[in-house]
Amino acid sequence: MFLSRAKTVADAFEDLYFFEKAAQTMILALSTGKPLAVLSDNVAKATADGWGPYRGMAMRHFAYLKAELERDDPGFKN
């Protein structure tokens, strides 16, 4: 089970946003019916470590998405 212990709403949203993207990718991969190619632990760790520089970007991501919503539907807050 996924449990977010985020400090802010933006952090929680970011965690859930990427969790959903991972789930979509997994469903798409499984839908092929073919065996999945599983990455080695070293490749998985290197990939995870590569996300390090993006930590702390949740507030900017959330602000961007809110701005897009405001642009697309200015009355959404009402």
N, C-alpha and C. Protein backbone atom coordinates (compact mmCIF):
# COMPACT_ATOMS: atom_id res chain seq x y z
N MET A 1 0.84 -1.18 0.00
CA MET A 1 0.00 0.00 0.00
C MET A 1 0.88 1.24 0.00
N PHE A 2 0.49 2.24 -0.76
CA PHE A 2 1.22 3.50 -0.83
C PHE A 2 0.73 4.42 0.28
N LEU A 3 1.65 4.97 1.03
CA LEU A 3 1.30 5.89 2.10
C LEU A 3 2.19 7.10 1.99
N SER A 4 1.59 8.24 1.75
CA SER A 4 2.34 9.48 1.66
C SER A 4 2.35 10.16 3.01
N ARG A 5 3.52 10.53 3.46
CA ARG A 5 3.65 11.30 4.70
C ARG A 5 4.24 12.65 4.36
N ALA A 6 3.63 13.29 3.43
CA ALA A 6 4.12 14.55 2.93
C ALA A 6 3.89 15.67 3.94
N LYS A 7 4.77 16.66 3.88
CA LYS A 7 4.68 17.80 4.79
C LYS A 7 3.71 18.86 4.29
N THR A 8 3.46 18.87 2.98
CA THR A 8 2.55 19.88 2.40
C THR A 8 1.60 19.20 1.43
N VAL A 9 0.56 19.92 1.07
CA VAL A 9 -0.37 19.42 0.06
C VAL A 9 0.36 19.24 -1.27
N ALA A 10 1.24 20.17 -1.58
CA ALA A 10 2.00 20.07 -2.83
C ALA A 10 2.86 18.80 -2.83
N ASP A 11 3.51 18.49 -1.71
CA ASP A 11 4.32 17.28 -1.63
C ASP A 11 3.46 16.03 -1.78
N ALA A 12 2.31 16.02 -1.14
CA ALA A 12 1.40 14.87 -1.25
C ALA A 12 0.91 14.72 -2.68
N PHE A 13 0.55 15.83 -3.31
CA PHE A 13 0.10 15.79 -4.70
C PHE A 13 1.20 15.23 -5.59
N GLU A 14 2.44 15.71 -5.38
CA GLU A 14 3.57 15.25 -6.19
C GLU A 14 3.77 13.74 -6.04
N ASP A 15 3.72 13.25 -4.81
CA ASP A 15 3.87 11.81 -4.58
C ASP A 15 2.78 11.03 -5.31
N LEU A 16 1.55 11.47 -5.19
CA LEU A 16 0.43 10.76 -5.81
C LEU A 16 0.44 10.90 -7.33
N TYR A 17 0.87 12.04 -7.82
CA TYR A 17 0.97 12.26 -9.26
C TYR A 17 1.91 11.22 -9.89
N PHE A 18 3.10 11.07 -9.29
CA PHE A 18 4.07 10.14 -9.86
C PHE A 18 3.71 8.68 -9.56
N PHE A 19 3.02 8.45 -8.47
CA PHE A 19 2.53 7.10 -8.18
C PHE A 19 1.52 6.70 -9.26
N GLU A 20 0.62 7.62 -9.62
CA GLU A 20 -0.36 7.33 -10.67
C GLU A 20 0.34 7.08 -12.01
N LYS A 21 1.35 7.90 -12.33
CA LYS A 21 2.08 7.70 -13.59
C LYS A 21 2.75 6.33 -13.62
N ALA A 22 3.32 5.91 -12.49
CA ALA A 22 3.95 4.59 -12.41
C ALA A 22 2.91 3.49 -12.60
N ALA A 23 1.74 3.67 -11.98
CA ALA A 23 0.67 2.66 -12.11
C ALA A 23 0.20 2.58 -13.57
N GLN A 24 0.05 3.72 -14.23
CA GLN A 24 -0.36 3.72 -15.63
C GLN A 24 0.66 2.98 -16.49
N THR A 25 1.94 3.22 -16.23
CA THR A 25 3.00 2.55 -16.98
C THR A 25 2.95 1.05 -16.75
N MET A 26 2.73 0.64 -15.51
CA MET A 26 2.67 -0.78 -15.18
C MET A 26 1.48 -1.45 -15.87
N ILE A 27 0.34 -0.82 -15.84
CA ILE A 27 -0.86 -1.37 -16.48
C ILE A 27 -0.64 -1.49 -17.99
N LEU A 28 -0.05 -0.46 -18.58
CA LEU A 28 0.22 -0.50 -20.02
C LEU A 28 1.19 -1.64 -20.35
N ALA A 29 2.23 -1.78 -19.56
CA ALA A 29 3.20 -2.85 -19.79
C ALA A 29 2.55 -4.23 -19.64
N LEU A 30 1.75 -4.40 -18.61
CA LEU A 30 1.08 -5.68 -18.39
C LEU A 30 0.05 -5.99 -19.47
N SER A 31 -0.54 -4.94 -20.05
CA SER A 31 -1.58 -5.15 -21.07
C SER A 31 -1.03 -5.75 -22.35
N THR A 32 0.28 -5.73 -22.53
CA THR A 32 0.86 -6.32 -23.73
C THR A 32 0.80 -7.84 -23.68
N GLY A 33 0.70 -8.40 -22.47
CA GLY A 33 0.68 -9.84 -22.32
C GLY A 33 2.05 -10.49 -22.45
N LYS A 34 3.06 -9.68 -22.67
CA LYS A 34 4.41 -10.20 -22.83
C LYS A 34 5.14 -10.16 -21.48
N PRO A 35 6.14 -10.99 -21.32
CA PRO A 35 6.92 -10.95 -20.07
C PRO A 35 7.59 -9.59 -19.91
N LEU A 36 7.62 -9.11 -18.69
CA LEU A 36 8.25 -7.82 -18.43
C LEU A 36 9.75 -7.99 -18.26
N ALA A 37 10.49 -7.03 -18.76
CA ALA A 37 11.94 -7.01 -18.56
C ALA A 37 12.18 -6.23 -17.27
N VAL A 38 12.72 -6.91 -16.28
CA VAL A 38 12.95 -6.29 -14.98
C VAL A 38 14.37 -5.76 -14.94
N LEU A 39 14.51 -4.51 -14.54
CA LEU A 39 15.82 -3.89 -14.45
C LEU A 39 16.62 -4.47 -13.30
N SER A 40 17.90 -4.43 -13.42
CA SER A 40 18.76 -4.88 -12.33
C SER A 40 18.65 -3.91 -11.16
N ASP A 41 19.03 -4.36 -9.99
CA ASP A 41 19.00 -3.49 -8.81
C ASP A 41 19.88 -2.27 -9.02
N ASN A 42 21.03 -2.45 -9.68
CA ASN A 42 21.94 -1.33 -9.91
C ASN A 42 21.31 -0.27 -10.82
N VAL A 43 20.64 -0.69 -11.87
CA VAL A 43 19.98 0.25 -12.77
C VAL A 43 18.82 0.94 -12.05
N ALA A 44 18.06 0.17 -11.29
CA ALA A 44 16.93 0.76 -10.55
C ALA A 44 17.44 1.79 -9.55
N LYS A 45 18.53 1.48 -8.85
CA LYS A 45 19.08 2.44 -7.87
C LYS A 45 19.59 3.68 -8.57
N ALA A 46 20.30 3.52 -9.69
CA ALA A 46 20.82 4.67 -10.43
C ALA A 46 19.67 5.56 -10.92
N THR A 47 18.58 4.92 -11.36
CA THR A 47 17.42 5.68 -11.82
C THR A 47 16.80 6.46 -10.66
N ALA A 48 16.62 5.79 -9.53
CA ALA A 48 16.06 6.45 -8.35
C ALA A 48 16.96 7.60 -7.89
N ASP A 49 18.27 7.37 -7.89
CA ASP A 49 19.21 8.40 -7.48
C ASP A 49 19.17 9.60 -8.43
N GLY A 50 18.86 9.35 -9.69
CA GLY A 50 18.77 10.41 -10.68
C GLY A 50 17.64 11.39 -10.41
N TRP A 51 16.66 10.96 -9.63
CA TRP A 51 15.54 11.85 -9.29
C TRP A 51 15.90 12.82 -8.17
N GLY A 52 17.04 12.60 -7.49
CA GLY A 52 17.45 13.43 -6.36
C GLY A 52 17.40 14.93 -6.63
N PRO A 53 17.94 15.39 -7.75
CA PRO A 53 17.93 16.84 -8.01
C PRO A 53 16.53 17.45 -8.12
N TYR A 54 15.53 16.61 -8.33
CA TYR A 54 14.17 17.12 -8.49
C TYR A 54 13.43 17.24 -7.15
N ARG A 55 14.02 16.76 -6.08
CA ARG A 55 13.39 16.88 -4.77
C ARG A 55 13.21 18.36 -4.46
N GLY A 56 12.11 18.70 -3.85
CA GLY A 56 11.85 20.09 -3.51
C GLY A 56 11.16 20.86 -4.62
N MET A 57 10.87 20.20 -5.72
CA MET A 57 10.21 20.88 -6.84
C MET A 57 8.69 20.81 -6.76
N ALA A 58 8.17 20.15 -5.75
CA ALA A 58 6.73 19.94 -5.64
C ALA A 58 5.96 21.25 -5.62
N MET A 59 6.46 22.22 -4.90
CA MET A 59 5.74 23.51 -4.82
C MET A 59 5.66 24.18 -6.19
N ARG A 60 6.76 24.11 -6.94
CA ARG A 60 6.74 24.70 -8.28
C ARG A 60 5.81 23.94 -9.21
N HIS A 61 5.84 22.61 -9.13
CA HIS A 61 4.97 21.79 -9.97
C HIS A 61 3.51 22.07 -9.65
N PHE A 62 3.19 22.11 -8.37
CA PHE A 62 1.82 22.36 -7.93
C PHE A 62 1.36 23.76 -8.35
N ALA A 63 2.24 24.75 -8.20
CA ALA A 63 1.91 26.12 -8.61
C ALA A 63 1.65 26.18 -10.12
N TYR A 64 2.47 25.47 -10.88
CA TYR A 64 2.28 25.43 -12.33
C TYR A 64 0.92 24.83 -12.68
N LEU A 65 0.58 23.71 -12.06
CA LEU A 65 -0.69 23.06 -12.37
C LEU A 65 -1.88 23.93 -11.96
N LYS A 66 -1.78 24.63 -10.83
CA LYS A 66 -2.85 25.54 -10.41
C LYS A 66 -2.98 26.70 -11.39
N ALA A 67 -1.85 27.20 -11.88
CA ALA A 67 -1.88 28.28 -12.86
C ALA A 67 -2.53 27.82 -14.16
N GLU A 68 -2.23 26.60 -14.58
CA GLU A 68 -2.86 26.05 -15.78
C GLU A 68 -4.37 25.91 -15.60
N LEU A 69 -4.78 25.45 -14.43
CA LEU A 69 -6.21 25.33 -14.14
C LEU A 69 -6.87 26.70 -14.14
N GLU A 70 -6.23 27.67 -13.52
CA GLU A 70 -6.75 29.04 -13.49
C GLU A 70 -6.90 29.59 -14.91
N ARG A 71 -5.92 29.29 -15.76
CA ARG A 71 -5.96 29.76 -17.15
C ARG A 71 -7.10 29.09 -17.92
N ASP A 72 -7.25 27.78 -17.74
CA ASP A 72 -8.26 27.02 -18.47
C ASP A 72 -9.67 27.24 -17.95
N ASP A 73 -9.80 27.47 -16.64
CA ASP A 73 -11.13 27.64 -16.02
C ASP A 73 -11.04 28.66 -14.89
N PRO A 74 -11.02 29.95 -15.25
CA PRO A 74 -10.82 31.00 -14.26
C PRO A 74 -11.82 30.96 -13.09
N GLY A 75 -12.98 30.38 -13.27
CA GLY A 75 -13.97 30.34 -12.20
C GLY A 75 -13.93 29.09 -11.34
N PHE A 76 -12.88 28.28 -11.46
CA PHE A 76 -12.87 27.01 -10.75
C PHE A 76 -12.92 27.17 -9.23
N LYS A 77 -12.44 28.28 -8.70
CA LYS A 77 -12.44 28.48 -7.25
C LYS A 77 -13.83 28.76 -6.70
N ASN A 78 -14.73 29.16 -7.57
CA ASN A 78 -16.10 29.47 -7.13
C ASN A 78 -16.86 28.21 -7.08
